[in-house]
Amino acid sequence: MSRYPLELVMPMAQELTSNGFRSLTSPEEVDTLMHDQKGTALVVVNSVCGCAAGAARPGVLLAMEHAVKKPDQAVTVFAGVDGDATQKMRSYFLPYPPSSPSIALFKDGQLVHMVERHHIEGRSAQMIAQNLIAAFDEYC
């Protein structure tokens, strides 16, 4: 159950889903993705916070637009909205602690790159995009 009014979070969610990200809303969807994951998958833990709006989402979208190499899949869970799906996804991020927003890159089911909230706060969307593009070049 969402801690936030859906009319508030829908535009935040749609910023990613209208740009090709698939929203995972249940633990079962997360497990299906992770158990069957081949190739690369970019996972964004979305959030209502200012650093998600100002840096994380715009940075992810810039990276996806400008990268030569891109992940095979792009998915998102929304912290505070889809709590069970977010909790399940975070279990795949271990040993990293829960962080919202955060961005993870998986290759063949293994976590290969992690951008935690403290890497997002105070940084520009362009800096986030550059970080992700470098990870895409290395792993995708």
Protein backbone atom coordinates (compact mmCIF):
# COMPACT_ATOMS: atom_id res chain seq x y z
CA MET A 1 0.00 0.00 0.00
CA SER A 2 1.27 3.44 -0.93
CA ARG A 3 2.27 5.94 1.72
CA TYR A 4 1.63 8.71 -0.81
CA PRO A 5 -1.45 9.77 -2.78
CA LEU A 6 -1.35 8.08 -6.19
CA GLU A 7 -2.10 11.36 -7.97
CA LEU A 8 1.12 12.72 -6.45
CA VAL A 9 3.37 9.81 -7.41
CA MET A 10 1.94 8.90 -10.82
CA PRO A 11 3.83 11.66 -12.71
CA MET A 12 7.03 10.61 -10.94
CA ALA A 13 6.51 6.98 -11.91
CA GLN A 14 5.51 7.89 -15.47
CA GLU A 15 8.71 9.85 -15.94
CA LEU A 16 10.42 6.46 -16.16
CA THR A 17 7.65 4.19 -17.46
CA SER A 18 6.82 6.51 -20.36
CA ASN A 19 10.48 6.23 -21.34
CA GLY A 20 10.67 2.46 -21.59
CA PHE A 21 11.07 1.37 -17.96
CA ARG A 22 8.87 -1.50 -16.79
CA SER A 23 7.36 -1.01 -13.34
CA LEU A 24 7.64 -3.97 -10.99
CA THR A 25 4.92 -3.81 -8.35
CA SER A 26 5.11 -7.17 -6.59
CA PRO A 27 7.81 -9.36 -5.04
CA GLU A 28 6.88 -12.08 -7.52
CA GLU A 29 7.63 -9.79 -10.49
CA VAL A 30 10.99 -8.92 -8.95
CA ASP A 31 11.88 -12.57 -8.36
CA THR A 32 10.84 -13.49 -11.90
CA LEU A 33 13.10 -10.80 -13.33
CA MET A 34 16.03 -11.71 -11.15
CA HIS A 35 15.77 -15.49 -11.51
CA ASP A 36 15.45 -15.33 -15.28
CA GLN A 37 17.79 -12.36 -15.82
CA LYS A 38 20.17 -12.81 -18.73
CA GLY A 39 22.19 -9.97 -20.17
CA THR A 40 22.00 -6.63 -18.40
CA ALA A 41 19.23 -4.98 -16.40
CA LEU A 42 19.12 -1.45 -15.04
CA VAL A 43 17.04 -1.12 -11.87
CA VAL A 44 15.92 2.25 -10.53
CA VAL A 45 14.50 2.52 -7.03
CA ASN A 46 12.32 5.57 -7.57
CA SER A 47 11.41 7.99 -4.79
CA VAL A 48 9.42 11.14 -4.10
CA CYS A 49 12.47 12.98 -2.74
CA GLY A 50 14.04 15.98 -4.38
CA CYS A 51 17.24 14.21 -5.39
CA ALA A 52 15.15 11.67 -7.33
CA ALA A 53 13.42 14.49 -9.19
CA GLY A 54 16.47 16.68 -9.69
CA ALA A 55 19.23 14.15 -10.38
CA ALA A 56 18.31 10.46 -10.35
CA ARG A 57 15.44 10.24 -12.84
CA PRO A 58 16.83 12.91 -15.21
CA GLY A 59 20.30 11.35 -14.99
CA VAL A 60 19.01 7.88 -15.78
CA LEU A 61 17.03 9.18 -18.74
CA LEU A 62 20.04 11.15 -20.06
CA ALA A 63 22.19 8.03 -19.78
CA MET A 64 19.65 5.90 -21.62
CA GLU A 65 19.31 8.53 -24.35
CA HIS A 66 23.02 9.15 -24.92
CA ALA A 67 24.71 5.83 -24.21
CA VAL A 68 26.07 3.83 -27.12
CA LYS A 69 25.79 0.61 -25.09
CA LYS A 70 22.60 0.22 -23.09
CA PRO A 71 21.13 -2.35 -20.70
CA ASP A 72 18.93 -5.05 -22.22
CA GLN A 73 16.17 -4.27 -19.71
CA ALA A 74 15.18 -1.23 -17.68
CA VAL A 75 12.91 -1.65 -14.68
CA THR A 76 11.81 0.36 -11.69
CA VAL A 77 10.31 -0.11 -8.24
CA PHE A 78 8.88 2.81 -6.30
CA ALA A 79 9.91 3.15 -2.65
CA GLY A 80 7.01 4.14 -0.42
CA VAL A 81 4.52 3.07 -3.09
CA ASP A 82 5.27 -0.55 -3.94
CA GLY A 83 6.82 -1.45 -0.60
CA ASP A 84 6.91 -5.23 -0.96
CA ALA A 85 8.43 -5.09 -4.45
CA THR A 86 10.98 -2.52 -3.29
CA GLN A 87 11.93 -4.61 -0.27
CA LYS A 88 12.36 -7.70 -2.44
CA MET A 89 14.47 -5.80 -4.99
CA ARG A 90 16.66 -4.41 -2.23
CA SER A 91 17.39 -7.97 -1.10
CA TYR A 92 19.24 -8.39 -4.41
CA PHE A 93 21.31 -5.26 -3.67
CA LEU A 94 23.07 -6.75 -0.64
CA PRO A 95 25.53 -5.92 0.84
CA TYR A 96 24.39 -2.36 0.02
CA PRO A 97 21.93 -0.92 2.56
CA PRO A 98 18.46 0.30 1.55
CA SER A 99 18.67 3.62 -0.26
CA SER A 100 16.09 5.72 -2.07
CA PRO A 101 16.62 6.66 -4.75
CA SER A 102 19.23 4.22 -5.97
CA ILE A 103 20.29 2.74 -9.28
CA ALA A 104 21.67 -0.76 -9.83
CA LEU A 105 23.06 -2.51 -12.87
CA PHE A 106 22.91 -6.30 -13.05
CA LYS A 107 24.63 -8.57 -15.53
CA ASP A 108 23.38 -12.16 -15.76
CA GLY A 109 21.74 -11.76 -12.35
CA GLN A 110 24.86 -10.39 -10.62
CA LEU A 111 25.05 -6.86 -9.24
CA VAL A 112 27.91 -5.14 -11.09
CA HIS A 113 27.34 -1.42 -10.41
CA MET A 114 25.51 0.47 -7.65
CA VAL A 115 24.65 4.14 -7.26
CA GLU A 116 23.38 4.85 -3.78
CA ARG A 117 21.51 7.92 -2.56
CA HIS A 118 24.70 9.45 -1.14
CA HIS A 119 26.17 9.23 -4.68
CA ILE A 120 23.10 11.07 -6.04
CA GLU A 121 22.58 13.84 -3.48
CA GLY A 122 24.31 17.06 -4.44
CA ARG A 123 25.22 15.83 -7.91
CA SER A 124 23.79 16.91 -11.23
CA ALA A 125 21.79 14.78 -13.63
CA GLN A 126 24.75 15.02 -16.03
CA MET A 127 27.10 13.56 -13.41
CA ILE A 128 24.71 10.68 -12.76
CA ALA A 129 24.40 10.08 -16.51
CA GLN A 130 28.19 10.06 -16.97
CA ASN A 131 28.54 7.54 -14.14
CA LEU A 132 25.92 5.26 -15.69
CA ILE A 133 27.25 5.59 -19.23
CA ALA A 134 30.68 4.47 -17.98
CA ALA A 135 29.06 1.45 -16.31
CA PHE A 136 27.08 0.67 -19.48
CA ASP A 137 30.28 0.85 -21.55
CA GLU A 138 31.96 -1.60 -19.19
CA TYR A 139 29.15 -4.13 -18.64
CA CYS A 140 26.63 -3.87 -21.49
